[in-house]
């Protein structure tokens, strides 16, 4: 993975503050944020965020991919964390105006402009472990990013973990900082002990997701992925890929997938697997690690179906293919 992905930020960010109502958004330097040391977010993880991208189009313009869907999920995460309700219209305005300001900084393919809306509880109250923050801030960070994987393609190693969980099973659909923090110990142990890139959480043998991406299995014309519930993140990239696959006539199955079935199917030469998310779109999985053994997925390399699915979505994002679903917001 590209170690510097998301480490460069554009010099200004849009911000608004909540104290009984949201203030008018302003632009401020993006390298500083004033918080009381007792701010709720620093002690009780009252924070959520989104990840979406703006792409340079074939005609030289700029478009944001699935902004409305990401804002809706942002609002949902805020509500589930009992943060102040966001003004979705204002959030959209903050995103589009920020991208418009830095239109010339949006790189061409294979790069893009990563957009990180963030919502944090700011009330100085270290006695509110069981109560929400009554004040908050919301800001939009912009980060020009290259290809997530150096060389443009990956063949990832996943540790299948049937005992650990990414987060609380009733909290997985929140895109919140605490969920990523709770997964980190599992990911680091897997990297140290098994040279794994990620952990695929499979509590009780039920294949869910990794610490930062949704899991998709492709077996011939079948695509299998876990059906939506509150235990894991409802990925926008996941939904987009499944929509395109259905339109191509593929047999998309959103259902339970056991570890045993996954390992059995992975042994087929034609089988492929991938991790979907905003950063990498769809990254191929080459090896599964379970019970002290390694299992090759298909040929162990990125296959034609995973590559085709990723390229098809990329073509829409960069304006090379028709946007039949109205997924792009021109800026």
Protein backbone atom coordinates (compact mmCIF):
# COMPACT_ATOMS: atom_id res chain seq x y z
CA UNK A 1 0.00 0.00 0.00
CA UNK A 2 1.09 3.54 -0.63
CA UNK A 3 2.42 4.70 2.73
CA UNK A 4 1.94 8.39 1.93
CA UNK A 5 -1.70 8.07 0.86
CA UNK A 6 -3.72 10.82 2.54
CA UNK A 7 -0.76 12.61 4.12
CA UNK A 8 -0.78 15.73 1.96
CA UNK A 9 -3.54 18.27 2.64
CA UNK A 10 -4.61 21.38 0.79
CA UNK A 11 -4.00 24.56 2.79
CA UNK A 12 -7.59 25.50 3.71
CA UNK A 13 -10.68 23.65 4.92
CA UNK A 14 -14.33 24.56 5.30
CA UNK A 15 -15.57 24.46 8.90
CA UNK A 16 -18.77 25.08 10.86
CA UNK A 17 -19.51 24.90 14.59
CA UNK A 18 -22.62 23.79 16.48
CA UNK A 19 -23.89 25.39 19.68
CA UNK A 20 -27.66 25.15 19.54
CA UNK A 21 -27.43 25.58 15.74
CA UNK A 22 -24.81 25.43 12.99
CA UNK A 23 -22.76 28.53 12.28
CA UNK A 24 -22.15 29.85 8.79
CA UNK A 25 -19.30 27.88 7.25
CA UNK A 26 -15.94 29.58 6.84
CA UNK A 27 -12.56 28.69 5.34
CA UNK A 28 -9.68 28.31 7.79
CA UNK A 29 -6.12 26.90 7.64
CA UNK A 30 -6.27 23.10 7.50
CA UNK A 31 -3.20 22.53 9.67
CA UNK A 32 -4.69 23.65 12.99
CA UNK A 33 -7.81 23.02 15.06
CA UNK A 34 -8.43 24.56 18.48
CA UNK A 35 -9.91 22.14 21.01
CA UNK A 36 -10.22 22.16 24.77
CA UNK A 37 -8.19 19.25 26.23
CA UNK A 38 -11.42 18.07 27.82
CA UNK A 39 -13.28 17.96 24.51
CA UNK A 40 -15.74 15.06 24.35
CA UNK A 41 -14.15 13.66 21.18
CA UNK A 42 -10.76 13.25 22.87
CA UNK A 43 -12.16 11.17 25.73
CA UNK A 44 -15.27 9.40 24.43
CA UNK A 45 -14.62 9.06 20.67
CA UNK A 46 -17.57 11.17 19.56
CA UNK A 47 -16.34 11.37 16.00
CA UNK A 48 -17.41 10.15 12.58
CA UNK A 49 -16.24 10.89 9.06
CA UNK A 50 -16.73 10.13 5.40
CA UNK A 51 -14.44 9.35 2.50
CA UNK A 52 -15.32 10.32 -1.06
CA UNK A 53 -13.43 11.52 -4.11
CA UNK A 54 -13.44 14.17 -6.82
CA UNK A 55 -12.16 13.10 -10.24
CA UNK A 56 -10.72 14.98 -13.19
CA UNK A 57 -13.04 14.33 -16.12
CA UNK A 58 -12.18 13.60 -19.74
CA UNK A 59 -13.32 17.09 -20.75
CA UNK A 60 -11.09 18.72 -18.13
CA UNK A 61 -13.90 19.37 -15.65
CA UNK A 62 -14.23 18.01 -12.12
CA UNK A 63 -16.91 15.74 -10.64
CA UNK A 64 -17.53 14.29 -7.17
CA UNK A 65 -18.57 10.64 -7.03
CA UNK A 66 -21.76 9.76 -5.10
CA UNK A 67 -21.69 12.79 -2.82
CA UNK A 68 -25.36 12.48 -1.84
CA UNK A 69 -24.92 8.86 -0.74
CA UNK A 70 -21.89 9.71 1.38
CA UNK A 71 -23.63 12.66 3.00
CA UNK A 72 -26.61 10.44 3.89
CA UNK A 73 -24.26 7.95 5.56
CA UNK A 74 -22.48 10.82 7.32
CA UNK A 75 -25.82 11.97 8.74
CA UNK A 76 -26.61 8.40 9.81
CA UNK A 77 -23.28 7.98 11.61
CA UNK A 78 -23.76 11.33 13.36
CA UNK A 79 -27.21 10.28 14.55
CA UNK A 80 -26.00 6.88 15.81
CA UNK A 81 -23.25 8.61 17.80
CA UNK A 82 -25.77 11.15 19.17
CA UNK A 83 -23.81 14.02 17.70
CA UNK A 84 -25.80 17.13 16.73
CA UNK A 85 -27.84 16.55 13.58
CA UNK A 86 -25.96 17.77 10.54
CA UNK A 87 -27.50 20.11 7.97
CA UNK A 88 -27.05 17.93 4.88
CA UNK A 89 -27.55 20.86 2.53
CA UNK A 90 -24.80 22.79 4.30
CA UNK A 91 -22.49 19.77 4.25
CA UNK A 92 -22.99 19.42 0.51
CA UNK A 93 -22.31 23.11 0.03
CA UNK A 94 -19.12 22.88 2.09
CA UNK A 95 -17.89 19.95 -0.02
CA UNK A 96 -18.65 21.46 -3.42
CA UNK A 97 -17.35 24.92 -2.55
CA UNK A 98 -14.12 23.43 -1.17
CA UNK A 99 -13.54 21.36 -4.29
CA UNK A 100 -14.40 24.35 -6.51
CA UNK A 101 -11.84 26.49 -4.66
CA UNK A 102 -9.13 23.92 -5.38
CA UNK A 103 -10.38 22.80 -8.78
CA UNK A 104 -6.90 23.19 -10.29
CA UNK A 105 -5.46 20.87 -7.63
CA UNK A 106 -7.60 17.90 -8.65
CA UNK A 107 -5.14 15.53 -10.37
CA UNK A 108 -5.79 13.44 -13.45
CA UNK A 109 -6.00 9.67 -13.53
CA UNK A 110 -5.01 7.45 -11.87
CA UNK A 111 -5.00 10.01 -9.07
CA UNK A 112 -7.92 11.90 -7.50
CA UNK A 113 -8.85 14.34 -4.75
CA UNK A 114 -9.82 12.58 -1.53
CA UNK A 115 -12.50 14.40 0.49
CA UNK A 116 -12.82 13.80 4.24
CA UNK A 117 -15.88 15.36 5.94
CA UNK A 118 -15.41 15.04 9.71
CA UNK A 119 -17.80 15.60 12.64
CA UNK A 120 -16.52 15.81 16.23
CA UNK A 121 -18.01 16.47 19.65
CA UNK A 122 -16.29 19.51 21.16
CA UNK A 123 -17.98 20.04 24.53
CA UNK A 124 -15.43 20.31 27.36
CA UNK A 125 -16.99 17.77 29.69
CA UNK A 126 -14.98 14.82 30.96
CA UNK A 127 -17.91 13.73 33.13
CA UNK A 128 -20.11 12.91 30.13
CA UNK A 129 -19.06 9.35 29.39
CA UNK A 130 -22.74 8.37 29.30
CA UNK A 131 -24.08 11.53 27.62
CA UNK A 132 -23.56 13.13 24.21
CA UNK A 133 -21.65 16.30 23.42
CA UNK A 134 -23.91 19.33 23.10
CA UNK A 135 -21.44 21.22 20.92
CA UNK A 136 -19.64 20.08 17.79
CA UNK A 137 -17.51 21.04 14.80
CA UNK A 138 -17.74 19.81 11.22
CA UNK A 139 -14.97 20.33 8.67
CA UNK A 140 -13.92 19.19 5.21
CA UNK A 141 -10.32 18.10 4.57
CA UNK A 142 -9.01 17.77 1.01
CA UNK A 143 -6.09 15.52 0.11
CA UNK A 144 -4.75 14.91 -3.42
CA UNK A 145 -3.95 11.22 -3.60
CA UNK A 146 -2.31 8.87 -6.04
CA UNK A 147 -3.09 5.22 -6.67
CA UNK A 148 -3.63 3.46 -3.33
CA UNK A 149 -1.44 0.53 -4.34
CA UNK A 150 1.97 1.18 -5.80
CA UNK A 151 1.95 -0.24 -9.30
CA UNK A 152 -1.84 0.04 -9.41
CA UNK A 153 -2.75 -3.52 -8.41
CA UNK A 154 -2.60 -5.69 -5.33
CA UNK A 155 -2.75 -9.33 -4.32
CA UNK A 156 -3.56 -9.06 -0.64
CA UNK A 157 -3.07 -11.53 2.18
CA UNK A 158 -6.02 -11.81 4.59
CA UNK A 159 -6.10 -13.49 7.99
CA UNK A 160 -9.52 -15.04 8.65
CA UNK A 161 -10.36 -14.31 12.30
CA UNK A 162 -13.34 -16.21 13.75
CA UNK A 163 -12.91 -14.92 17.31
CA UNK A 164 -12.05 -11.22 17.10
CA UNK A 165 -14.55 -8.55 16.09
CA UNK A 166 -13.91 -5.26 14.33
CA UNK A 167 -16.25 -3.42 16.68
CA UNK A 168 -19.45 -3.88 18.66
CA UNK A 169 -21.90 -5.88 16.50
CA UNK A 170 -24.57 -3.19 16.83
CA UNK A 171 -22.16 -0.40 15.89
CA UNK A 172 -20.56 -1.59 12.67
CA UNK A 173 -22.59 0.57 10.30
CA UNK A 174 -21.16 3.72 11.95
CA UNK A 175 -18.17 5.17 10.10
CA UNK A 176 -16.64 6.30 13.37
CA UNK A 177 -13.09 6.61 14.64
CA UNK A 178 -13.69 4.18 17.51
CA UNK A 179 -14.46 1.31 15.13
CA UNK A 180 -11.15 1.70 13.35
CA UNK A 181 -9.28 1.99 16.64
CA UNK A 182 -10.78 -1.25 17.97
CA UNK A 183 -9.74 -3.13 14.81
CA UNK A 184 -6.16 -1.91 14.89
CA UNK A 185 -4.81 -4.40 17.44
CA UNK A 186 -6.08 -7.32 15.35
CA UNK A 187 -4.59 -5.90 12.15
CA UNK A 188 -1.20 -5.23 13.72
CA UNK A 189 -1.03 -8.71 15.25
CA UNK A 190 -1.94 -10.26 11.91
CA UNK A 191 0.78 -8.28 10.17
CA UNK A 192 3.39 -9.30 12.74
CA UNK A 193 2.46 -12.96 13.10
CA UNK A 194 1.28 -13.83 9.57
CA UNK A 195 2.57 -11.08 7.27
CA UNK A 196 -1.09 -10.35 6.54
CA UNK A 197 -2.25 -7.08 4.96
CA UNK A 198 -5.62 -7.14 6.66
CA UNK A 199 -7.91 -9.16 8.92
CA UNK A 200 -11.16 -10.50 7.50
CA UNK A 201 -13.42 -10.63 10.53
CA UNK A 202 -15.56 -13.79 10.60
CA UNK A 203 -17.16 -14.00 14.05
CA UNK A 204 -18.63 -17.45 14.58
CA UNK A 205 -17.55 -18.39 11.06
CA UNK A 206 -19.65 -15.67 9.38
CA UNK A 207 -17.57 -13.74 6.82
CA UNK A 208 -18.11 -10.01 7.35
CA UNK A 209 -15.55 -7.33 6.38
CA UNK A 210 -11.96 -6.29 7.02
CA UNK A 211 -10.85 -3.42 9.23
CA UNK A 212 -11.23 -0.90 6.41
CA UNK A 213 -13.09 -2.46 3.47
CA UNK A 214 -15.99 -4.66 2.39
CA UNK A 215 -15.29 -8.20 1.13
CA UNK A 216 -16.55 -9.52 -2.21
CA UNK A 217 -16.17 -13.07 -3.56
CA UNK A 218 -16.44 -13.66 -7.32
CA UNK A 219 -16.97 -17.24 -8.50
CA UNK A 220 -17.79 -17.45 -12.19
CA UNK A 221 -20.90 -15.34 -12.74
CA UNK A 222 -21.69 -15.36 -9.00
CA UNK A 223 -20.83 -12.49 -6.70
CA UNK A 224 -21.25 -13.24 -3.00
CA UNK A 225 -21.06 -10.69 -0.20
CA UNK A 226 -22.61 -10.33 3.22
CA UNK A 227 -26.13 -8.93 3.30
CA UNK A 228 -26.49 -5.53 4.95
CA UNK A 229 -27.06 -5.37 8.69
CA UNK A 230 -25.83 -3.13 11.48
CA UNK A 231 -22.68 -5.18 12.16
CA UNK A 232 -20.57 -3.78 9.30
CA UNK A 233 -20.17 -0.69 7.15
CA UNK A 234 -22.58 -0.18 4.25
CA UNK A 235 -19.99 0.68 1.63
CA UNK A 236 -20.83 3.11 -1.15
CA UNK A 237 -18.24 1.53 -3.44
CA UNK A 238 -19.66 -1.91 -2.60
CA UNK A 239 -23.16 -0.81 -3.58
CA UNK A 240 -21.91 0.80 -6.79
CA UNK A 241 -20.02 -2.34 -7.86
CA UNK A 242 -23.00 -4.59 -7.12
CA UNK A 243 -25.32 -2.30 -9.09
CA UNK A 244 -23.09 -2.50 -12.15
CA UNK A 245 -22.70 -6.28 -11.76
CA UNK A 246 -26.47 -6.81 -11.67
CA UNK A 247 -26.84 -4.74 -14.84
CA UNK A 248 -24.35 -7.04 -16.56
CA UNK A 249 -26.49 -10.04 -15.63
CA UNK A 250 -24.24 -11.42 -12.90
CA UNK A 251 -25.81 -13.40 -10.08
CA UNK A 252 -25.33 -11.07 -7.10
CA UNK A 253 -25.98 -12.80 -3.77
CA UNK A 254 -26.12 -10.73 -0.60
CA UNK A 255 -26.21 -13.45 2.04
CA UNK A 256 -24.30 -15.21 4.77
CA UNK A 257 -20.99 -16.69 3.66
CA UNK A 258 -19.25 -19.16 5.95
CA UNK A 259 -15.49 -19.56 6.30
CA UNK A 260 -15.84 -23.16 5.14
CA UNK A 261 -17.66 -22.15 1.94
CA UNK A 262 -15.17 -19.36 1.29
CA UNK A 263 -12.16 -21.68 1.54
CA UNK A 264 -13.88 -24.31 -0.61
CA UNK A 265 -14.72 -21.83 -3.37
CA UNK A 266 -11.30 -20.16 -3.19
CA UNK A 267 -9.67 -23.39 -4.34
CA UNK A 268 -11.26 -23.06 -7.78
CA UNK A 269 -8.84 -21.67 -10.40
CA UNK A 270 -11.50 -19.25 -11.65
CA UNK A 271 -12.37 -17.88 -8.20
CA UNK A 272 -11.47 -14.29 -7.29
CA UNK A 273 -11.91 -12.12 -4.22
CA UNK A 274 -11.56 -8.44 -3.53
CA UNK A 275 -11.82 -5.65 -0.96
CA UNK A 276 -13.94 -2.67 -1.95
CA UNK A 277 -13.65 0.87 -0.66
CA UNK A 278 -13.19 4.48 -1.69
CA UNK A 279 -9.39 4.45 -1.49
CA UNK A 280 -8.58 1.39 -3.60
CA UNK A 281 -11.98 0.86 -5.34
CA UNK A 282 -11.52 -2.93 -5.59
CA UNK A 283 -8.27 -4.59 -4.53
CA UNK A 284 -7.63 -8.25 -5.33
CA UNK A 285 -7.11 -10.83 -2.58
CA UNK A 286 -4.57 -13.53 -3.36
CA UNK A 287 -4.18 -15.49 -0.11
CA UNK A 288 -6.38 -16.49 2.82
CA UNK A 289 -4.76 -17.52 6.11
CA UNK A 290 -6.76 -19.71 8.48
CA UNK A 291 -5.93 -22.26 11.15
CA UNK A 292 -2.21 -21.99 10.52
CA UNK A 293 -2.60 -22.74 6.80
CA UNK A 294 -2.49 -20.57 3.68
CA UNK A 295 -5.07 -20.94 0.93
CA UNK A 296 -4.53 -19.45 -2.53
CA UNK A 297 -7.53 -17.65 -3.98
CA UNK A 298 -7.83 -18.78 -7.60
CA UNK A 299 -4.48 -18.16 -9.24
CA UNK A 300 -3.29 -16.02 -6.33
CA UNK A 301 -3.19 -12.90 -8.50
CA UNK A 302 -5.62 -10.21 -9.61
CA UNK A 303 -8.01 -11.87 -12.05
CA UNK A 304 -10.01 -10.61 -15.03
CA UNK A 305 -13.36 -10.20 -13.25
CA UNK A 306 -12.03 -8.13 -10.35
CA UNK A 307 -10.02 -6.03 -12.80
CA UNK A 308 -13.04 -5.54 -15.07
CA UNK A 309 -15.29 -4.49 -12.18
CA UNK A 310 -12.75 -1.96 -10.96
CA UNK A 311 -12.08 -0.58 -14.45
CA UNK A 312 -15.79 -0.22 -15.18
CA UNK A 313 -16.38 1.84 -12.06
CA UNK A 314 -13.23 3.90 -12.64
CA UNK A 315 -14.41 4.71 -16.16
CA UNK A 316 -17.59 6.25 -14.78
CA UNK A 317 -15.68 8.17 -12.12
CA UNK A 318 -13.27 9.70 -14.67
CA UNK A 319 -16.02 10.52 -17.16
CA UNK A 320 -14.90 7.90 -19.68
CA UNK A 321 -18.21 6.03 -19.57
CA UNK A 322 -21.83 7.18 -19.36
CA UNK A 323 -23.07 8.09 -15.87
CA UNK A 324 -26.41 6.32 -16.21
CA UNK A 325 -27.24 6.59 -12.50
CA UNK A 326 -26.47 10.25 -11.89
CA UNK A 327 -23.61 9.36 -9.55
CA UNK A 328 -21.43 12.33 -10.50
CA UNK A 329 -21.85 15.87 -9.16
CA UNK A 330 -20.13 18.36 -11.43
CA UNK A 331 -18.28 21.16 -9.69
